[in-house]
C-alpha cells in the first residue's frame, strides 16, 4: 500500500515537527535543571525567628553558596565569599546596575593583583535580608554576571553552618 505523495509529505512534516518540539522541550528542561544545579537558592527559604530575619542556603554541587537577590531593586546572583573584603561586582554588570565608579584601588584576587574601583551599593537584598549603603568594588577583570558577596556585607550578618546548610541572620 503506497501512500499518495501529498500524504507522505504531510506525514514526514509532522514527524519532523514532533522531533523539533521534543528537542526544544528537552533543551528547556535541561536549562532549568542546570540553573537549579548552579543556584539552588533562586527563592531562598526566609523566616522571622526571635526578632531576627533568617535565610537558609543550600550549597550547589561545587559546595558554593549561591543565592538570587537584588542590588538597587535589580535582580542579581550572589556567590558568598568570606575571602573577599568587599562586595565585588563585574564591570559590565555594574554598568547595567548604574553603579558609579569611584577611586581606583589595587586589590588582591585569586588571579593576582588587579585594579578595581570603589563604589557603594545603596540597597542589597536576598530572601528577607536587606542591607543598605554597602561598600563594594567594581572589578573590570571579573567576567560573567555573578556578584561576590564579600565581608563588607557579610560582617553585618550572623552566620552559622549546620551540616550542609548555611543560616544567615540579621
N, C-alpha and C. Protein backbone atom coordinates (compact mmCIF):
# COMPACT_ATOMS: atom_id res chain seq x y z
N UNK A 1 0.83 -1.18 0.00
CA UNK A 1 0.00 0.00 0.00
C UNK A 1 0.87 1.24 0.00
N UNK A 2 0.94 1.86 -1.10
CA UNK A 2 1.69 3.10 -1.21
C UNK A 2 0.78 4.27 -0.91
N UNK A 3 1.32 5.24 -0.14
CA UNK A 3 0.55 6.44 0.15
C UNK A 3 0.77 7.45 -0.97
N UNK A 4 -0.24 8.27 -1.23
CA UNK A 4 -0.05 9.33 -2.21
C UNK A 4 1.06 10.29 -1.74
N UNK A 5 1.79 10.91 -2.68
CA UNK A 5 2.91 11.79 -2.33
C UNK A 5 2.53 12.90 -1.35
N UNK A 6 1.33 13.45 -1.47
CA UNK A 6 0.93 14.55 -0.60
C UNK A 6 0.80 14.06 0.85
N UNK A 7 0.23 12.87 1.06
CA UNK A 7 0.10 12.31 2.40
C UNK A 7 1.46 11.97 2.98
N UNK A 8 2.37 11.48 2.14
CA UNK A 8 3.71 11.14 2.58
C UNK A 8 4.43 12.40 3.06
N UNK A 9 4.29 13.52 2.31
CA UNK A 9 4.92 14.79 2.70
C UNK A 9 4.34 15.28 4.03
N UNK A 10 3.03 15.17 4.21
CA UNK A 10 2.38 15.60 5.44
C UNK A 10 2.87 14.76 6.61
N UNK A 11 2.95 13.45 6.43
CA UNK A 11 3.44 12.56 7.48
C UNK A 11 4.88 12.86 7.86
N UNK A 12 5.73 13.09 6.87
CA UNK A 12 7.13 13.41 7.12
C UNK A 12 7.25 14.75 7.85
N UNK A 13 6.46 15.73 7.44
CA UNK A 13 6.47 17.05 8.08
C UNK A 13 6.05 16.96 9.55
N UNK A 14 5.02 16.17 9.82
CA UNK A 14 4.57 16.01 11.21
C UNK A 14 5.63 15.27 12.04
N UNK A 15 6.29 14.31 11.45
CA UNK A 15 7.34 13.55 12.12
C UNK A 15 8.50 14.49 12.49
N UNK A 16 8.90 15.33 11.55
CA UNK A 16 9.98 16.29 11.80
C UNK A 16 9.56 17.30 12.87
N UNK A 17 8.32 17.78 12.78
CA UNK A 17 7.81 18.75 13.76
C UNK A 17 7.81 18.14 15.17
N UNK A 18 7.43 16.88 15.28
CA UNK A 18 7.41 16.21 16.59
C UNK A 18 8.83 16.15 17.17
N UNK A 19 9.82 15.82 16.34
CA UNK A 19 11.20 15.77 16.81
C UNK A 19 11.70 17.15 17.23
N UNK A 20 11.37 18.17 16.46
CA UNK A 20 11.79 19.54 16.79
C UNK A 20 11.20 19.95 18.14
N UNK A 21 9.92 19.67 18.34
CA UNK A 21 9.26 20.02 19.61
C UNK A 21 9.88 19.25 20.78
N UNK A 22 10.19 17.98 20.57
CA UNK A 22 10.78 17.18 21.63
C UNK A 22 12.17 17.72 22.01
N UNK A 23 12.97 18.08 21.02
CA UNK A 23 14.30 18.63 21.28
C UNK A 23 14.19 19.97 22.01
N UNK A 24 13.23 20.81 21.61
CA UNK A 24 13.03 22.10 22.27
C UNK A 24 12.63 21.91 23.73
N UNK A 25 11.73 20.97 24.00
CA UNK A 25 11.30 20.70 25.37
C UNK A 25 12.45 20.16 26.21
N UNK A 26 13.24 19.27 25.64
CA UNK A 26 14.40 18.74 26.36
C UNK A 26 15.41 19.85 26.66
N UNK A 27 15.63 20.72 25.69
CA UNK A 27 16.55 21.85 25.89
C UNK A 27 16.08 22.77 27.00
N UNK A 28 14.80 23.08 27.02
CA UNK A 28 14.23 23.93 28.07
C UNK A 28 14.36 23.26 29.43
N UNK A 29 14.04 21.97 29.48
CA UNK A 29 14.15 21.22 30.73
C UNK A 29 15.58 21.17 31.23
N UNK A 30 16.53 20.94 30.32
CA UNK A 30 17.94 20.89 30.70
C UNK A 30 18.39 22.25 31.23
N UNK A 31 17.98 23.33 30.58
CA UNK A 31 18.36 24.68 31.01
C UNK A 31 17.87 24.93 32.44
N UNK A 32 16.62 24.56 32.74
CA UNK A 32 16.08 24.75 34.08
C UNK A 32 16.85 23.90 35.09
N UNK A 33 17.14 22.65 34.72
CA UNK A 33 17.90 21.77 35.61
C UNK A 33 19.28 22.37 35.89
N UNK A 34 19.95 22.89 34.87
CA UNK A 34 21.28 23.48 35.04
C UNK A 34 21.22 24.69 35.97
N UNK A 35 20.23 25.55 35.78
CA UNK A 35 20.09 26.74 36.63
C UNK A 35 19.86 26.33 38.08
N UNK A 36 19.03 25.31 38.30
CA UNK A 36 18.78 24.82 39.66
C UNK A 36 20.03 24.22 40.28
N UNK A 37 20.85 23.53 39.48
CA UNK A 37 22.09 22.94 39.98
C UNK A 37 23.11 24.03 40.33
N UNK A 38 23.22 25.06 39.50
CA UNK A 38 24.16 26.15 39.74
C UNK A 38 23.72 26.98 40.94
N UNK A 39 22.42 27.30 41.01
CA UNK A 39 21.89 28.15 42.08
C UNK A 39 20.67 27.49 42.71
N UNK A 40 20.88 26.66 43.73
CA UNK A 40 19.74 26.02 44.38
C UNK A 40 18.94 26.97 45.26
N UNK A 41 19.37 28.22 45.36
CA UNK A 41 18.71 29.21 46.22
C UNK A 41 18.10 30.35 45.41
N UNK A 42 17.41 29.98 44.33
CA UNK A 42 16.78 31.01 43.50
C UNK A 42 15.64 31.69 44.24
N UNK A 43 15.00 30.96 45.13
CA UNK A 43 13.97 31.52 46.01
C UNK A 43 14.32 31.04 47.42
N UNK A 44 15.26 31.73 48.07
CA UNK A 44 15.78 31.22 49.35
C UNK A 44 14.72 31.15 50.45
N UNK A 45 14.87 30.14 51.32
CA UNK A 45 13.99 29.99 52.47
C UNK A 45 14.23 31.16 53.41
N UNK A 46 13.19 31.89 53.74
CA UNK A 46 13.31 33.02 54.65
C UNK A 46 12.28 32.89 55.76
N UNK A 47 12.66 33.31 56.95
CA UNK A 47 11.70 33.33 58.05
C UNK A 47 12.14 34.36 59.08
N UNK A 48 11.23 34.69 59.96
CA UNK A 48 11.49 35.61 61.06
C UNK A 48 11.50 34.76 62.33
N UNK A 49 12.62 34.75 63.07
CA UNK A 49 12.70 33.97 64.31
C UNK A 49 13.31 34.82 65.41
N UNK A 50 12.65 34.89 66.54
CA UNK A 50 13.13 35.62 67.71
C UNK A 50 13.58 37.03 67.34
N UNK A 51 12.80 37.69 66.51
CA UNK A 51 13.10 39.06 66.11
C UNK A 51 14.20 39.19 65.07
N UNK A 52 14.74 38.06 64.60
CA UNK A 52 15.79 38.10 63.58
C UNK A 52 15.25 37.59 62.24
N UNK A 53 15.71 38.22 61.19
CA UNK A 53 15.40 37.70 59.85
C UNK A 53 16.41 36.61 59.54
N UNK A 54 15.94 35.53 58.96
CA UNK A 54 16.81 34.38 58.75
C UNK A 54 16.64 33.84 57.33
N UNK A 55 17.76 33.55 56.69
CA UNK A 55 17.75 32.95 55.35
C UNK A 55 18.60 31.68 55.44
N UNK A 56 18.05 30.57 54.92
CA UNK A 56 18.75 29.29 54.92
C UNK A 56 19.18 28.98 53.49
N UNK A 57 20.48 28.73 53.31
CA UNK A 57 21.03 28.47 51.97
C UNK A 57 21.52 27.03 51.86
N UNK A 58 21.30 26.46 50.69
CA UNK A 58 21.80 25.13 50.35
C UNK A 58 23.00 25.30 49.43
N UNK A 59 24.03 24.47 49.56
CA UNK A 59 25.18 24.58 48.66
C UNK A 59 24.84 24.01 47.28
N UNK A 60 25.55 24.49 46.26
CA UNK A 60 25.38 23.87 44.94
C UNK A 60 26.30 22.66 44.85
N UNK A 61 26.38 22.04 43.69
CA UNK A 61 27.18 20.82 43.54
C UNK A 61 28.67 21.04 43.77
N UNK A 62 29.14 22.27 43.59
CA UNK A 62 30.55 22.58 43.83
C UNK A 62 30.77 23.02 45.28
N UNK A 63 29.72 22.92 46.11
CA UNK A 63 29.75 23.29 47.53
C UNK A 63 29.91 24.79 47.75
N UNK A 64 29.47 25.58 46.79
CA UNK A 64 29.44 27.04 46.94
C UNK A 64 28.03 27.45 47.34
N UNK A 65 27.95 28.54 48.09
CA UNK A 65 26.65 29.09 48.45
C UNK A 65 26.34 30.23 47.49
N UNK A 66 25.35 30.01 46.67
CA UNK A 66 24.93 30.97 45.65
C UNK A 66 23.47 31.29 45.94
N UNK A 67 23.10 32.56 45.82
CA UNK A 67 21.72 32.95 46.13
C UNK A 67 21.29 34.08 45.19
N UNK A 68 20.04 34.03 44.77
CA UNK A 68 19.46 35.12 43.98
C UNK A 68 19.09 36.26 44.91
N UNK A 69 19.27 37.48 44.44
CA UNK A 69 18.92 38.64 45.24
C UNK A 69 18.80 39.87 44.37
N UNK A 70 18.94 41.03 44.98
CA UNK A 70 18.85 42.28 44.22
C UNK A 70 19.92 43.26 44.68
N UNK A 71 20.33 44.09 43.75
CA UNK A 71 21.12 45.29 44.04
C UNK A 71 20.32 46.44 43.48
N UNK A 72 19.97 47.37 44.35
CA UNK A 72 19.16 48.53 43.95
C UNK A 72 17.92 48.09 43.16
N UNK A 73 17.24 47.08 43.67
CA UNK A 73 16.00 46.52 43.13
C UNK A 73 16.15 45.85 41.76
N UNK A 74 17.36 45.53 41.35
CA UNK A 74 17.57 44.81 40.09
C UNK A 74 18.13 43.43 40.40
N UNK A 75 17.60 42.42 39.74
CA UNK A 75 17.96 41.03 40.03
C UNK A 75 19.43 40.74 39.73
N UNK A 76 20.07 40.05 40.68
CA UNK A 76 21.46 39.60 40.53
C UNK A 76 21.59 38.22 41.17
N UNK A 77 22.75 37.61 40.97
CA UNK A 77 23.09 36.35 41.63
C UNK A 77 24.35 36.60 42.44
N UNK A 78 24.31 36.22 43.73
CA UNK A 78 25.44 36.39 44.64
C UNK A 78 26.13 35.06 44.88
N UNK A 79 27.46 35.11 44.98
CA UNK A 79 28.28 33.99 45.44
C UNK A 79 28.90 34.45 46.75
N UNK A 80 28.57 33.79 47.86
CA UNK A 80 29.12 34.18 49.15
C UNK A 80 30.61 33.90 49.17
N UNK A 81 31.41 34.92 49.54
CA UNK A 81 32.86 34.80 49.51
C UNK A 81 33.46 35.48 50.74
N UNK A 82 33.71 34.69 51.78
CA UNK A 82 34.28 35.25 53.01
C UNK A 82 35.72 35.71 52.82
N UNK A 83 36.34 35.34 51.72
CA UNK A 83 37.71 35.78 51.43
C UNK A 83 37.77 37.12 50.73
N UNK A 84 36.63 37.65 50.33
CA UNK A 84 36.58 38.95 49.65
C UNK A 84 36.32 40.04 50.69
N UNK A 85 37.13 41.08 50.68
CA UNK A 85 36.97 42.18 51.63
C UNK A 85 35.66 42.92 51.40
N UNK A 86 35.36 43.20 50.14
CA UNK A 86 34.15 43.95 49.78
C UNK A 86 33.28 43.11 48.87
N UNK A 87 32.08 43.57 48.66
CA UNK A 87 31.23 43.02 47.61
C UNK A 87 31.91 43.39 46.30
N UNK A 88 32.09 42.44 45.40
CA UNK A 88 32.78 42.69 44.13
C UNK A 88 31.82 42.47 42.97
N UNK A 89 31.68 43.49 42.13
CA UNK A 89 30.73 43.47 41.03
C UNK A 89 31.48 43.52 39.70
N UNK A 90 31.20 42.58 38.78
CA UNK A 90 31.83 42.66 37.45
C UNK A 90 31.48 43.98 36.77
N UNK A 91 32.42 44.52 36.02
CA UNK A 91 32.26 45.84 35.40
C UNK A 91 31.01 45.97 34.53
N UNK A 92 30.77 44.97 33.66
CA UNK A 92 29.58 45.05 32.78
C UNK A 92 28.29 45.08 33.59
N UNK A 93 28.23 44.26 34.62
CA UNK A 93 27.04 44.23 35.47
C UNK A 93 26.90 45.56 36.22
N UNK A 94 28.00 46.13 36.67
CA UNK A 94 27.96 47.42 37.36
C UNK A 94 27.37 48.51 36.47
N UNK A 95 27.70 48.46 35.17
CA UNK A 95 27.13 49.43 34.23
C UNK A 95 25.62 49.26 34.16
N UNK A 96 25.16 48.00 34.05
CA UNK A 96 23.71 47.74 33.97
C UNK A 96 23.01 48.19 35.25
N UNK A 97 23.69 48.03 36.39
CA UNK A 97 23.12 48.41 37.68
C UNK A 97 23.28 49.91 37.96
N UNK A 98 23.96 50.61 37.06
CA UNK A 98 24.23 52.04 37.16
C UNK A 98 24.98 52.40 38.45
N UNK A 99 25.97 51.56 38.78
CA UNK A 99 26.83 51.86 39.93
C UNK A 99 27.90 52.84 39.48
N UNK A 100 28.21 53.81 40.32
CA UNK A 100 29.20 54.84 39.97
C UNK A 100 30.59 54.38 40.35
N UNK A 101 31.52 54.52 39.39
CA UNK A 101 32.93 54.20 39.66
C UNK A 101 33.54 55.29 40.52
N UNK A 102 34.17 54.86 41.59
CA UNK A 102 34.89 55.80 42.45
C UNK A 102 36.38 55.72 42.18
N UNK A 103 37.14 55.87 43.23
CA UNK A 103 38.60 55.86 43.11
C UNK A 103 39.12 54.49 42.72
N UNK A 104 40.19 54.51 41.93
CA UNK A 104 40.86 53.25 41.55
C UNK A 104 41.63 52.75 42.76
N UNK A 105 41.66 51.43 42.91
CA UNK A 105 42.40 50.81 44.01
C UNK A 105 42.97 49.49 43.55
N UNK A 106 44.08 49.10 44.13
CA UNK A 106 44.67 47.80 43.84
C UNK A 106 44.04 46.77 44.77
N UNK A 107 43.62 45.65 44.21
CA UNK A 107 43.02 44.58 45.01
C UNK A 107 43.75 43.27 44.73
N UNK A 108 43.81 42.43 45.73
CA UNK A 108 44.40 41.10 45.57
C UNK A 108 43.27 40.11 45.30
N UNK A 109 43.38 39.41 44.20
CA UNK A 109 42.37 38.43 43.82
C UNK A 109 43.03 37.06 43.71
N UNK A 110 42.22 36.05 43.47
CA UNK A 110 42.76 34.70 43.26
C UNK A 110 43.68 34.67 42.04
N UNK A 111 43.49 35.60 41.11
CA UNK A 111 44.32 35.66 39.90
C UNK A 111 45.45 36.67 40.01
N UNK A 112 45.71 37.18 41.20
CA UNK A 112 46.78 38.15 41.38
C UNK A 112 46.24 39.54 41.67
N UNK A 113 47.10 40.54 41.53
CA UNK A 113 46.72 41.92 41.80
C UNK A 113 45.99 42.51 40.60
N UNK A 114 44.94 43.29 40.89
CA UNK A 114 44.14 43.90 39.82
C UNK A 114 43.71 45.29 40.26
N UNK A 115 43.26 46.09 39.30
CA UNK A 115 42.70 47.40 39.60
C UNK A 115 41.19 47.28 39.65
N UNK A 116 40.61 47.81 40.72
CA UNK A 116 39.16 47.85 40.87
C UNK A 116 38.78 49.28 41.25
N UNK A 117 37.51 49.58 41.25
CA UNK A 117 37.03 50.93 41.54
C UNK A 117 36.03 50.87 42.68
N UNK A 118 36.21 51.73 43.66
CA UNK A 118 35.30 51.74 44.81
C UNK A 118 33.93 52.23 44.37
N UNK A 119 32.91 51.73 45.05
CA UNK A 119 31.54 52.16 44.83
C UNK A 119 30.75 51.86 46.10
N UNK A 120 29.52 52.29 46.14
CA UNK A 120 28.65 51.99 47.27
C UNK A 120 27.31 51.50 46.73
N UNK A 121 26.83 50.42 47.31
CA UNK A 121 25.53 49.87 46.91
C UNK A 121 24.50 50.39 47.90
N UNK A 122 23.55 51.14 47.39
CA UNK A 122 22.53 51.74 48.26
C UNK A 122 21.66 50.69 48.93
N UNK A 123 21.25 49.67 48.17
CA UNK A 123 20.37 48.63 48.73
C UNK A 123 20.73 47.28 48.14
N UNK A 124 20.94 46.31 49.01
CA UNK A 124 21.30 44.95 48.60
C UNK A 124 20.39 44.02 49.40
N UNK A 125 19.79 43.04 48.73
CA UNK A 125 18.91 42.12 49.47
C UNK A 125 18.94 40.72 48.88
N UNK A 126 18.62 39.76 49.73
CA UNK A 126 18.37 38.37 49.32
C UNK A 126 17.48 37.76 50.39
N UNK A 127 16.49 36.99 49.94
CA UNK A 127 15.50 36.49 50.89
C UNK A 127 14.88 37.68 51.60
N UNK A 128 14.74 37.59 52.94
CA UNK A 128 14.18 38.72 53.68
C UNK A 128 15.27 39.58 54.35
N UNK A 129 16.51 39.36 53.97
CA UNK A 129 17.63 40.16 54.49
C UNK A 129 17.87 41.35 53.57
N UNK A 130 18.03 42.51 54.19
CA UNK A 130 18.19 43.75 53.44
C UNK A 130 19.32 44.58 54.06
N UNK A 131 20.27 45.01 53.24
CA UNK A 131 21.40 45.81 53.70
C UNK A 131 21.43 47.13 52.94
N UNK A 132 21.94 48.17 53.59
CA UNK A 132 21.98 49.50 52.98
C UNK A 132 23.39 50.07 53.04
N UNK A 133 23.72 50.86 52.02
CA UNK A 133 25.00 51.58 51.94
C UNK A 133 26.19 50.65 52.18
N UNK A 134 26.28 49.63 51.33
CA UNK A 134 27.32 48.61 51.45
C UNK A 134 28.51 48.99 50.57
N UNK A 135 29.71 48.98 51.16
CA UNK A 135 30.92 49.25 50.38
C UNK A 135 31.14 48.11 49.40
N UNK A 136 31.53 48.49 48.19
CA UNK A 136 31.73 47.49 47.14
C UNK A 136 32.84 47.95 46.21
N UNK A 137 33.20 47.07 45.29
CA UNK A 137 34.17 47.44 44.26
C UNK A 137 33.66 46.96 42.91
N UNK A 138 33.99 47.72 41.90
CA UNK A 138 33.69 47.35 40.52
C UNK A 138 34.98 46.79 39.95
N UNK A 139 34.92 45.55 39.49
CA UNK A 139 36.13 44.86 39.05
C UNK A 139 36.08 44.57 37.55
N UNK A 140 36.84 45.33 36.73
CA UNK A 140 36.85 45.11 35.29
C UNK A 140 37.40 43.74 34.90
N UNK A 141 38.17 43.10 35.76
CA UNK A 141 38.74 41.80 35.44
C UNK A 141 37.80 40.63 35.67
N UNK A 142 36.65 40.89 36.27
CA UNK A 142 35.69 39.81 36.53
C UNK A 142 34.80 39.61 35.31
N UNK A 143 34.64 38.37 34.92
CA UNK A 143 33.73 38.03 33.82
C UNK A 143 32.41 37.53 34.40
N UNK A 144 31.40 37.52 33.58
CA UNK A 144 30.12 36.95 33.99
C UNK A 144 29.23 37.92 34.71
N UNK A 145 28.21 37.37 35.35
CA UNK A 145 27.16 38.16 35.97
C UNK A 145 27.03 37.89 37.47
N UNK A 146 27.95 37.12 38.04
CA UNK A 146 27.85 36.75 39.45
C UNK A 146 28.59 37.77 40.31
N UNK A 147 27.92 38.25 41.37
CA UNK A 147 28.47 39.22 42.30
C UNK A 147 29.05 38.46 43.49
N UNK A 148 30.30 38.78 43.86
CA UNK A 148 30.89 38.17 45.05
C UNK A 148 30.38 38.93 46.28
N UNK A 149 29.68 38.22 47.14
CA UNK A 149 29.14 38.83 48.36
C UNK A 149 30.21 38.71 49.43
N UNK A 150 31.03 39.77 49.54
CA UNK A 150 32.18 39.77 50.43
C UNK A 150 31.84 40.26 51.83
N UNK A 151 32.89 40.44 52.62
CA UNK A 151 32.74 40.74 54.04
C UNK A 151 32.14 42.11 54.33
N UNK A 152 32.21 43.06 53.41
CA UNK A 152 31.57 44.36 53.67
C UNK A 152 30.06 44.18 53.86
N UNK A 153 29.50 43.12 53.31
CA UNK A 153 28.08 42.78 53.53
C UNK A 153 27.95 41.72 54.61
N UNK A 154 28.75 40.67 54.52
CA UNK A 154 28.60 39.52 55.43
C UNK A 154 28.89 39.86 56.89
N UNK A 155 29.77 40.86 57.14
CA UNK A 155 30.09 41.20 58.53
C UNK A 155 28.88 41.83 59.25
N UNK A 156 27.87 42.22 58.49
CA UNK A 156 26.66 42.78 59.09
C UNK A 156 25.67 41.68 59.48
N UNK A 157 26.03 40.44 59.20
CA UNK A 157 25.14 39.31 59.46
C UNK A 157 25.80 38.33 60.41
N UNK A 158 24.96 37.52 61.03
CA UNK A 158 25.46 36.39 61.81
C UNK A 158 25.26 35.17 60.93
N UNK A 159 26.27 34.32 60.81
CA UNK A 159 26.05 33.12 60.02
C UNK A 159 26.56 31.88 60.73
N UNK A 160 25.82 30.79 60.51
CA UNK A 160 26.09 29.51 61.14
C UNK A 160 25.95 28.42 60.09
N UNK A 161 26.84 27.46 60.13
CA UNK A 161 26.71 26.32 59.23
C UNK A 161 26.26 25.12 60.05
N UNK A 162 25.18 24.47 59.61
CA UNK A 162 24.67 23.25 60.24
C UNK A 162 24.61 22.19 59.16
N UNK A 163 25.50 21.23 59.24
CA UNK A 163 25.59 20.24 58.17
C UNK A 163 25.98 20.96 56.90
N UNK A 164 25.19 20.78 55.87
CA UNK A 164 25.47 21.46 54.59
C UNK A 164 24.78 22.82 54.49
N UNK A 165 23.86 23.12 55.39
CA UNK A 165 23.09 24.36 55.31
C UNK A 165 23.87 25.52 55.91
N UNK A 166 23.72 26.70 55.30
CA UNK A 166 24.28 27.93 55.84
C UNK A 166 23.11 28.81 56.24
N UNK A 167 23.09 29.21 57.51
CA UNK A 167 21.99 30.02 58.04
C UNK A 167 22.52 31.42 58.29
N UNK A 168 21.91 32.41 57.63
CA UNK A 168 22.29 33.81 57.77
C UNK A 168 21.20 34.52 58.56
N UNK A 169 21.60 35.33 59.54
CA UNK A 169 20.62 36.05 60.37
C UNK A 169 20.97 37.53 60.41
N UNK A 170 19.92 38.34 60.46
CA UNK A 170 20.08 39.80 60.58
C UNK A 170 19.17 40.30 61.68
